[in-house]
Amino acid sequence: METMILRIIKARKGLALPLPEDITEALQLTEGSEVTVSVDPEKKQILIQSLRQSTDLGDINLEFAEQVSTFIRDYKPALEELAKLEE
């Protein structure tokens, strides 16, 4: 895939980078997909990697990581309520 120039836009309380369809299709990303984001401040680089296809998760098994992500997404309201009890 060739290098392209994209424009960062304002989104709610932050900034966002809209990804073109060819990129999202190549990485099989849809709305709600989870990605890992790594930043190299010295090189001024950001690496965005699909969690589904990521193989560099250290000692974490990819299938387990996906199960944890699904659990967090499905039970997010309950987990947020439990977190309030800790405060």
PDB file of N, CA and C in Angstrom:
ATOM      1  N   MET A   1       0.853  -1.183   0.000  1.00  0.00           N
ATOM      2  CA  MET A   1       0.000   0.000   0.000  1.00  0.00           C
ATOM      3  C   MET A   1       0.891   1.236   0.000  1.00  0.00           C
ATOM      4  N   GLU A   2       0.520   2.181  -0.773  1.00  0.00           N
ATOM      5  CA  GLU A   2       1.322   3.393  -0.912  1.00  0.00           C
ATOM      6  C   GLU A   2       1.082   4.355   0.251  1.00  0.00           C
ATOM      7  N   THR A   3       2.013   5.268   0.443  1.00  0.00           N
ATOM      8  CA  THR A   3       1.880   6.300   1.460  1.00  0.00           C
ATOM      9  C   THR A   3       0.866   7.325   0.991  1.00  0.00           C
ATOM     10  N   MET A   4       0.032   7.794   1.909  1.00  0.00           N
ATOM     11  CA  MET A   4      -0.956   8.819   1.557  1.00  0.00           C
ATOM     12  C   MET A   4      -0.974   9.890   2.627  1.00  0.00           C
ATOM     13  N   ILE A   5      -1.465  11.038   2.269  1.00  0.00           N
ATOM     14  CA  ILE A   5      -1.602  12.148   3.206  1.00  0.00           C
ATOM     15  C   ILE A   5      -3.060  12.206   3.641  1.00  0.00           C
ATOM     16  N   LEU A   6      -3.272  12.191   4.951  1.00  0.00           N
ATOM     17  CA  LEU A   6      -4.614  12.277   5.528  1.00  0.00           C
ATOM     18  C   LEU A   6      -4.688  13.511   6.412  1.00  0.00           C
ATOM     19  N   ARG A   7      -5.882  14.022   6.604  1.00  0.00           N
ATOM     20  CA  ARG A   7      -6.077  15.213   7.430  1.00  0.00           C
ATOM     21  C   ARG A   7      -6.735  14.817   8.748  1.00  0.00           C
ATOM     22  N   ILE A   8      -6.135  15.239   9.847  1.00  0.00           N
ATOM     23  CA  ILE A   8      -6.692  15.007  11.177  1.00  0.00           C
ATOM     24  C   ILE A   8      -7.861  15.964  11.373  1.00  0.00           C
ATOM     25  N   ILE A   9      -8.950  15.445  11.958  1.00  0.00           N
ATOM     26  CA  ILE A   9     -10.143  16.261  12.185  1.00  0.00           C
ATOM     27  C   ILE A   9     -10.464  16.316  13.669  1.00  0.00           C
ATOM     28  N   LYS A  10     -11.247  17.330  14.055  1.00  0.00           N
ATOM     29  CA  LYS A  10     -11.696  17.449  15.437  1.00  0.00           C
ATOM     30  C   LYS A  10     -12.859  16.478  15.648  1.00  0.00           C
ATOM     31  N   ALA A  11     -12.822  15.766  16.764  1.00  0.00           N
ATOM     32  CA  ALA A  11     -13.881  14.806  17.081  1.00  0.00           C
ATOM     33  C   ALA A  11     -14.165  14.868  18.580  1.00  0.00           C
ATOM     34  N   ARG A  12     -15.338  15.335  18.923  1.00  0.00           N
ATOM     35  CA  ARG A  12     -15.743  15.487  20.324  1.00  0.00           C
ATOM     36  C   ARG A  12     -14.679  16.234  21.112  1.00  0.00           C
ATOM     37  N   LYS A  13     -14.058  15.573  22.090  1.00  0.00           N
ATOM     38  CA  LYS A  13     -13.079  16.249  22.944  1.00  0.00           C
ATOM     39  C   LYS A  13     -11.648  15.956  22.531  1.00  0.00           C
ATOM     40  N   GLY A  14     -11.452  15.478  21.311  1.00  0.00           N
ATOM     41  CA  GLY A  14     -10.110  15.137  20.858  1.00  0.00           C
ATOM     42  C   GLY A  14      -9.975  15.318  19.367  1.00  0.00           C
ATOM     43  N   LEU A  15      -9.046  14.575  18.816  1.00  0.00           N
ATOM     44  CA  LEU A  15      -8.795  14.597  17.390  1.00  0.00           C
ATOM     45  C   LEU A  15      -8.971  13.184  16.848  1.00  0.00           C
ATOM     46  N   ALA A  16      -9.253  13.072  15.552  1.00  0.00           N
ATOM     47  CA  ALA A  16      -9.454  11.767  14.927  1.00  0.00           C
ATOM     48  C   ALA A  16      -8.804  11.743  13.559  1.00  0.00           C
ATOM     49  N   LEU A  17      -8.489  10.571  13.119  1.00  0.00           N
ATOM     50  CA  LEU A  17      -7.920  10.368  11.797  1.00  0.00           C
ATOM     51  C   LEU A  17      -8.848   9.426  11.035  1.00  0.00           C
ATOM     52  N   PRO A  18      -9.673   9.963  10.144  1.00  0.00           N
ATOM     53  CA  PRO A  18     -10.559   9.098   9.363  1.00  0.00           C
ATOM     54  C   PRO A  18      -9.718   8.200   8.454  1.00  0.00           C
ATOM     55  N   LEU A  19      -9.991   6.911   8.496  1.00  0.00           N
ATOM     56  CA  LEU A  19      -9.240   5.971   7.674  1.00  0.00           C
ATOM     57  C   LEU A  19     -10.008   5.668   6.397  1.00  0.00           C
ATOM     58  N   PRO A  20      -9.355   5.765   5.260  1.00  0.00           N
ATOM     59  CA  PRO A  20     -10.025   5.475   3.991  1.00  0.00           C
ATOM     60  C   PRO A  20     -10.489   4.019   3.918  1.00  0.00           C
ATOM     61  N   GLU A  21     -11.487   3.796   3.094  1.00  0.00           N
ATOM     62  CA  GLU A  21     -12.092   2.472   2.969  1.00  0.00           C
ATOM     63  C   GLU A  21     -11.083   1.392   2.569  1.00  0.00           C
ATOM     64  N   ASP A  22     -10.142   1.717   1.698  1.00  0.00           N
ATOM     65  CA  ASP A  22      -9.187   0.686   1.287  1.00  0.00           C
ATOM     66  C   ASP A  22      -8.316   0.220   2.444  1.00  0.00           C
ATOM     67  N   ILE A  23      -8.011   1.116   3.383  1.00  0.00           N
ATOM     68  CA  ILE A  23      -7.233   0.737   4.559  1.00  0.00           C
ATOM     69  C   ILE A  23      -8.079  -0.120   5.497  1.00  0.00           C
ATOM     70  N   THR A  24      -9.312   0.310   5.769  1.00  0.00           N
ATOM     71  CA  THR A  24     -10.154  -0.450   6.692  1.00  0.00           C
ATOM     72  C   THR A  24     -10.487  -1.831   6.128  1.00  0.00           C
ATOM     73  N   GLU A  25     -10.657  -1.912   4.822  1.00  0.00           N
ATOM     74  CA  GLU A  25     -10.912  -3.219   4.203  1.00  0.00           C
ATOM     75  C   GLU A  25      -9.684  -4.114   4.282  1.00  0.00           C
ATOM     76  N   ALA A  26      -8.512  -3.547   4.020  1.00  0.00           N
ATOM     77  CA  ALA A  26      -7.276  -4.332   4.050  1.00  0.00           C
ATOM     78  C   ALA A  26      -7.011  -4.904   5.440  1.00  0.00           C
ATOM     79  N   LEU A  27      -7.370  -4.149   6.478  1.00  0.00           N
ATOM     80  CA  LEU A  27      -7.148  -4.595   7.860  1.00  0.00           C
ATOM     81  C   LEU A  27      -8.398  -5.225   8.481  1.00  0.00           C
ATOM     82  N   GLN A  28      -9.463  -5.337   7.694  1.00  0.00           N
ATOM     83  CA  GLN A  28     -10.737  -5.887   8.158  1.00  0.00           C
ATOM     84  C   GLN A  28     -11.245  -5.138   9.395  1.00  0.00           C
ATOM     85  N   LEU A  29     -11.206  -3.805   9.331  1.00  0.00           N
ATOM     86  CA  LEU A  29     -11.672  -2.972  10.430  1.00  0.00           C
ATOM     87  C   LEU A  29     -13.085  -2.487  10.129  1.00  0.00           C
ATOM     88  N   THR A  30     -13.916  -2.482  11.158  1.00  0.00           N
ATOM     89  CA  THR A  30     -15.251  -1.921  11.061  1.00  0.00           C
ATOM     90  C   THR A  30     -15.449  -1.021  12.269  1.00  0.00           C
ATOM     91  N   GLU A  31     -16.552  -0.284  12.301  1.00  0.00           N
ATOM     92  CA  GLU A  31     -16.820   0.567  13.462  1.00  0.00           C
ATOM     93  C   GLU A  31     -16.833  -0.300  14.715  1.00  0.00           C
ATOM     94  N   GLY A  32     -16.095   0.102  15.719  1.00  0.00           N
ATOM     95  CA  GLY A  32     -16.008  -0.651  16.966  1.00  0.00           C
ATOM     96  C   GLY A  32     -14.833  -1.610  17.021  1.00  0.00           C
ATOM     97  N   SER A  33     -14.135  -1.796  15.901  1.00  0.00           N
ATOM     98  CA  SER A  33     -12.950  -2.665  15.907  1.00  0.00           C
ATOM     99  C   SER A  33     -11.920  -2.099  16.873  1.00  0.00           C
ATOM    100  N   GLU A  34     -11.162  -2.987  17.480  1.00  0.00           N
ATOM    101  CA  GLU A  34     -10.127  -2.557  18.408  1.00  0.00           C
ATOM    102  C   GLU A  34      -8.761  -2.653  17.747  1.00  0.00           C
ATOM    103  N   VAL A  35      -7.937  -1.668  18.014  1.00  0.00           N
ATOM    104  CA  VAL A  35      -6.587  -1.605  17.470  1.00  0.00           C
ATOM    105  C   VAL A  35      -5.622  -1.295  18.592  1.00  0.00           C
ATOM    106  N   THR A  36      -4.359  -1.619  18.377  1.00  0.00           N
ATOM    107  CA  THR A  36      -3.323  -1.160  19.285  1.00  0.00           C
ATOM    108  C   THR A  36      -2.665   0.051  18.642  1.00  0.00           C
ATOM    109  N   VAL A  37      -2.273   1.009  19.461  1.00  0.00           N
ATOM    110  CA  VAL A  37      -1.626   2.217  18.973  1.00  0.00           C
ATOM    111  C   VAL A  37      -0.299   2.371  19.695  1.00  0.00           C
ATOM    112  N   SER A  38       0.778   2.439  18.928  1.00  0.00           N
ATOM    113  CA  SER A  38       2.114   2.650  19.485  1.00  0.00           C
ATOM    114  C   SER A  38       2.630   3.987  18.975  1.00  0.00           C
ATOM    115  N   VAL A  39       3.331   4.697  19.836  1.00  0.00           N
ATOM    116  CA  VAL A  39       3.841   6.020  19.471  1.00  0.00           C
ATOM    117  C   VAL A  39       5.350   6.042  19.665  1.00  0.00           C
ATOM    118  N   ASP A  40       6.037   6.574  18.679  1.00  0.00           N
ATOM    119  CA  ASP A  40       7.481   6.798  18.762  1.00  0.00           C
ATOM    120  C   ASP A  40       7.699   8.303  18.645  1.00  0.00           C
ATOM    121  N   PRO A  41       7.751   9.010  19.808  1.00  0.00           N
ATOM    122  CA  PRO A  41       7.872  10.473  19.783  1.00  0.00           C
ATOM    123  C   PRO A  41       9.144  10.964  19.092  1.00  0.00           C
ATOM    124  N   GLU A  42      10.219  10.208  19.221  1.00  0.00           N
ATOM    125  CA  GLU A  42      11.473  10.641  18.595  1.00  0.00           C
ATOM    126  C   GLU A  42      11.363  10.659  17.074  1.00  0.00           C
ATOM    127  N   LYS A  43      10.707   9.654  16.521  1.00  0.00           N
ATOM    128  CA  LYS A  43      10.550   9.581  15.062  1.00  0.00           C
ATOM    129  C   LYS A  43       9.271  10.265  14.595  1.00  0.00           C
ATOM    130  N   LYS A  44       8.454  10.721  15.569  1.00  0.00           N
ATOM    131  CA  LYS A  44       7.159  11.341  15.267  1.00  0.00           C
ATOM    132  C   LYS A  44       6.305  10.394  14.421  1.00  0.00           C
ATOM    133  N   GLN A  45       6.214   9.132  14.893  1.00  0.00           N
ATOM    134  CA  GLN A  45       5.462   8.110  14.185  1.00  0.00           C
ATOM    135  C   GLN A  45       4.401   7.486  15.077  1.00  0.00           C
ATOM    136  N   ILE A  46       3.301   7.103  14.453  1.00  0.00           N
ATOM    137  CA  ILE A  46       2.229   6.378  15.119  1.00  0.00           C
ATOM    138  C   ILE A  46       2.022   5.087  14.337  1.00  0.00           C
ATOM    139  N   LEU A  47       1.976   3.961  15.037  1.00  0.00           N
ATOM    140  CA  LEU A  47       1.705   2.676  14.406  1.00  0.00           C
ATOM    141  C   LEU A  47       0.346   2.194  14.905  1.00  0.00           C
ATOM    142  N   ILE A  48      -0.581   1.982  13.981  1.00  0.00           N
ATOM    143  CA  ILE A  48      -1.908   1.477  14.311  1.00  0.00           C
ATOM    144  C   ILE A  48      -1.980   0.057  13.772  1.00  0.00           C
ATOM    145  N   GLN A  49      -2.303  -0.894  14.660  1.00  0.00           N
ATOM    146  CA  GLN A  49      -2.323  -2.292  14.258  1.00  0.00           C
ATOM    147  C   GLN A  49      -3.629  -2.928  14.701  1.00  0.00           C
ATOM    148  N   SER A  50      -4.258  -3.663  13.800  1.00  0.00           N
ATOM    149  CA  SER A  50      -5.493  -4.349  14.113  1.00  0.00           C
ATOM    150  C   SER A  50      -5.239  -5.369  15.217  1.00  0.00           C
ATOM    151  N   LEU A  51      -6.024  -5.335  16.272  1.00  0.00           N
ATOM    152  CA  LEU A  51      -5.861  -6.298  17.357  1.00  0.00           C
ATOM    153  C   LEU A  51      -6.173  -7.697  16.859  1.00  0.00           C
ATOM    154  N   ARG A  52      -7.140  -7.800  15.979  1.00  0.00           N
ATOM    155  CA  ARG A  52      -7.529  -9.102  15.439  1.00  0.00           C
ATOM    156  C   ARG A  52      -6.374  -9.768  14.716  1.00  0.00           C
ATOM    157  N   GLN A  53      -5.586  -8.988  13.988  1.00  0.00           N
ATOM    158  CA  GLN A  53      -4.518  -9.560  13.183  1.00  0.00           C
ATOM    159  C   GLN A  53      -3.147  -9.404  13.823  1.00  0.00           C
ATOM    160  N   SER A  54      -3.092  -8.750  14.963  1.00  0.00           N
ATOM    161  CA  SER A  54      -1.810  -8.497  15.608  1.00  0.00           C
ATOM    162  C   SER A  54      -1.184  -9.801  16.082  1.00  0.00           C
ATOM    163  N   THR A  55       0.104  -9.943  15.828  1.00  0.00           N
ATOM    164  CA  THR A  55       0.817 -11.110  16.324  1.00  0.00           C
ATOM    165  C   THR A  55       1.862 -10.694  17.350  1.00  0.00           C
ATOM    166  N   ASP A  56       1.992  -9.393  17.597  1.00  0.00           N
ATOM    167  CA  ASP A  56       3.005  -8.900  18.515  1.00  0.00           C
ATOM    168  C   ASP A  56       2.349  -8.450  19.820  1.00  0.00           C
ATOM    169  N   LEU A  57       1.793  -9.418  20.558  1.00  0.00           N
ATOM    170  CA  LEU A  57       1.147  -9.109  21.828  1.00  0.00           C
ATOM    171  C   LEU A  57       1.957  -9.641  23.002  1.00  0.00           C
ATOM    172  N   GLY A  58       3.252  -9.804  22.772  1.00  0.00           N
ATOM    173  CA  GLY A  58       4.099 -10.314  23.835  1.00  0.00           C
ATOM    174  C   GLY A  58       3.723 -11.755  24.144  1.00  0.00           C
ATOM    175  N   ASP A  59       3.496 -12.034  25.431  1.00  0.00           N
ATOM    176  CA  ASP A  59       3.155 -13.392  25.850  1.00  0.00           C
ATOM    177  C   ASP A  59       1.655 -13.648  25.845  1.00  0.00           C
ATOM    178  N   ILE A  60       0.859 -12.678  25.370  1.00  0.00           N
ATOM    179  CA  ILE A  60      -0.593 -12.826  25.391  1.00  0.00           C
ATOM    180  C   ILE A  60      -1.040 -13.616  24.168  1.00  0.00           C
ATOM    181  N   ASN A  61      -1.814 -14.654  24.398  1.00  0.00           N
ATOM    182  CA  ASN A  61      -2.385 -15.449  23.323  1.00  0.00           C
ATOM    183  C   ASN A  61      -3.436 -14.613  22.608  1.00  0.00           C
ATOM    184  N   LEU A  62      -3.396 -14.558  21.270  1.00  0.00           N
ATOM    185  CA  LEU A  62      -4.304 -13.729  20.493  1.00  0.00           C
ATOM    186  C   LEU A  62      -5.765 -14.088  20.737  1.00  0.00           C
ATOM    187  N   GLU A  63      -6.064 -15.368  20.797  1.00  0.00           N
ATOM    188  CA  GLU A  63      -7.450 -15.790  21.037  1.00  0.00           C
ATOM    189  C   GLU A  63      -7.926 -15.306  22.406  1.00  0.00           C
ATOM    190  N   PHE A  64      -7.056 -15.406  23.418  1.00  0.00           N
ATOM    191  CA  PHE A  64      -7.408 -14.930  24.753  1.00  0.00           C
ATOM    192  C   PHE A  64      -7.642 -13.423  24.741  1.00  0.00           C
ATOM    193  N   ALA A  65      -6.785 -12.677  24.037  1.00  0.00           N
ATOM    194  CA  ALA A  65      -6.934 -11.215  23.954  1.00  0.00           C
ATOM    195  C   ALA A  65      -8.270 -10.852  23.326  1.00  0.00           C
ATOM    196  N   GLU A  66      -8.680 -11.586  22.299  1.00  0.00           N
ATOM    197  CA  GLU A  66      -9.967 -11.324  21.662  1.00  0.00           C
ATOM    198  C   GLU A  66     -11.126 -11.640  22.608  1.00  0.00           C
ATOM    199  N   GLN A  67     -10.997 -12.720  23.385  1.00  0.00           N
ATOM    200  CA  GLN A  67     -12.036 -13.078  24.354  1.00  0.00           C
ATOM    201  C   GLN A  67     -12.163 -12.007  25.431  1.00  0.00           C
ATOM    202  N   VAL A  68     -11.038 -11.486  25.897  1.00  0.00           N
ATOM    203  CA  VAL A  68     -11.059 -10.433  26.908  1.00  0.00           C
ATOM    204  C   VAL A  68     -11.702  -9.174  26.328  1.00  0.00           C
ATOM    205  N   SER A  69     -11.356  -8.816  25.100  1.00  0.00           N
ATOM    206  CA  SER A  69     -11.948  -7.638  24.461  1.00  0.00           C
ATOM    207  C   SER A  69     -13.456  -7.786  24.318  1.00  0.00           C
ATOM    208  N   THR A  70     -13.895  -8.967  23.933  1.00  0.00           N
ATOM    209  CA  THR A  70     -15.338  -9.230  23.804  1.00  0.00           C
ATOM    210  C   THR A  70     -16.022  -9.141  25.154  1.00  0.00           C
ATOM    211  N   PHE A  71     -15.405  -9.719  26.178  1.00  0.00           N
ATOM    212  CA  PHE A  71     -15.973  -9.662  27.530  1.00  0.00           C
ATOM    213  C   PHE A  71     -16.109  -8.219  27.996  1.00  0.00           C
ATOM    214  N   ILE A  72     -15.065  -7.423  27.813  1.00  0.00           N
ATOM    215  CA  ILE A  72     -15.097  -6.025  28.248  1.00  0.00           C
ATOM    216  C   ILE A  72     -16.182  -5.265  27.499  1.00  0.00           C
ATOM    217  N   ARG A  73     -16.280  -5.478  26.177  1.00  0.00           N
ATOM    218  CA  ARG A  73     -17.304  -4.794  25.384  1.00  0.00           C
ATOM    219  C   ARG A  73     -18.706  -5.199  25.852  1.00  0.00           C
ATOM    220  N   ASP A  74     -18.929  -6.495  26.059  1.00  0.00           N
ATOM    221  CA  ASP A  74     -20.261  -6.991  26.423  1.00  0.00           C
ATOM    222  C   ASP A  74     -20.680  -6.600  27.840  1.00  0.00           C
ATOM    223  N   TYR A  75     -19.713  -6.510  28.741  1.00  0.00           N
ATOM    224  CA  TYR A  75     -20.035  -6.235  30.145  1.00  0.00           C
ATOM    225  C   TYR A  75     -19.541  -4.867  30.612  1.00  0.00           C
ATOM    226  N   LYS A  76     -19.296  -3.963  29.671  1.00  0.00           N
ATOM    227  CA  LYS A  76     -18.752  -2.644  30.003  1.00  0.00           C
ATOM    228  C   LYS A  76     -19.578  -1.907  31.061  1.00  0.00           C
ATOM    229  N   PRO A  77     -20.910  -1.830  30.946  1.00  0.00           N
ATOM    230  CA  PRO A  77     -21.672  -1.117  31.982  1.00  0.00           C
ATOM    231  C   PRO A  77     -21.485  -1.724  33.381  1.00  0.00           C
ATOM    232  N   ALA A  78     -21.497  -3.029  33.458  1.00  0.00           N
ATOM    233  CA  ALA A  78     -21.321  -3.693  34.769  1.00  0.00           C
ATOM    234  C   ALA A  78     -19.925  -3.440  35.305  1.00  0.00           C
ATOM    235  N   LEU A  79     -18.919  -3.493  34.444  1.00  0.00           N
ATOM    236  CA  LEU A  79     -17.539  -3.250  34.883  1.00  0.00           C
ATOM    237  C   LEU A  79     -17.355  -1.805  35.355  1.00  0.00           C
ATOM    238  N   GLU A  80     -18.010  -0.869  34.686  1.00  0.00           N
ATOM    239  CA  GLU A  80     -17.929   0.535  35.109  1.00  0.00           C
ATOM    240  C   GLU A  80     -18.566   0.712  36.484  1.00  0.00           C
ATOM    241  N   GLU A  81     -19.686   0.045  36.731  1.00  0.00           N
ATOM    242  CA  GLU A  81     -20.332   0.119  38.046  1.00  0.00           C
ATOM    243  C   GLU A  81     -19.437  -0.488  39.127  1.00  0.00           C
ATOM    244  N   LEU A  82     -18.796  -1.602  38.811  1.00  0.00           N
ATOM    245  CA  LEU A  82     -17.872  -2.214  39.771  1.00  0.00           C
ATOM    246  C   LEU A  82     -16.683  -1.288  40.060  1.00  0.00           C
ATOM    247  N   ALA A  83     -16.218  -0.599  39.054  1.00  0.00           N
ATOM    248  CA  ALA A  83     -15.097   0.330  39.249  1.00  0.00           C
ATOM    249  C   ALA A  83     -15.488   1.462  40.195  1.00  0.00           C
ATOM    250  N   LYS A  84     -16.748   1.890  40.154  1.00  0.00           N
ATOM    251  CA  LYS A  84     -17.205   2.950  41.053  1.00  0.00           C
ATOM    252  C   LYS A  84     -17.164   2.493  42.506  1.00  0.00           C
ATOM    253  N   LEU A  85     -17.377   1.204  42.750  1.00  0.00           N
ATOM    254  CA  LEU A  85     -17.337   0.661  44.105  1.00  0.00           C
ATOM    255  C   LEU A  85     -15.940   0.728  44.688  1.00  0.00           C
ATOM    256  N   GLU A  86     -14.930   0.694  43.835  1.00  0.00           N
ATOM    257  CA  GLU A  86     -13.531   0.764  44.273  1.00  0.00           C
ATOM    258  C   GLU A  86     -13.131   2.155  44.732  1.00  0.00           C
ATOM    259  N   GLU A  87     -13.875   3.177  44.283  1.00  0.00           N
ATOM    260  CA  GLU A  87     -13.511   4.566  44.593  1.00  0.00           C
ATOM    261  C   GLU A  87     -13.842   4.930  45.966  1.00  0.00           C
TER     262      GLU A  87
END
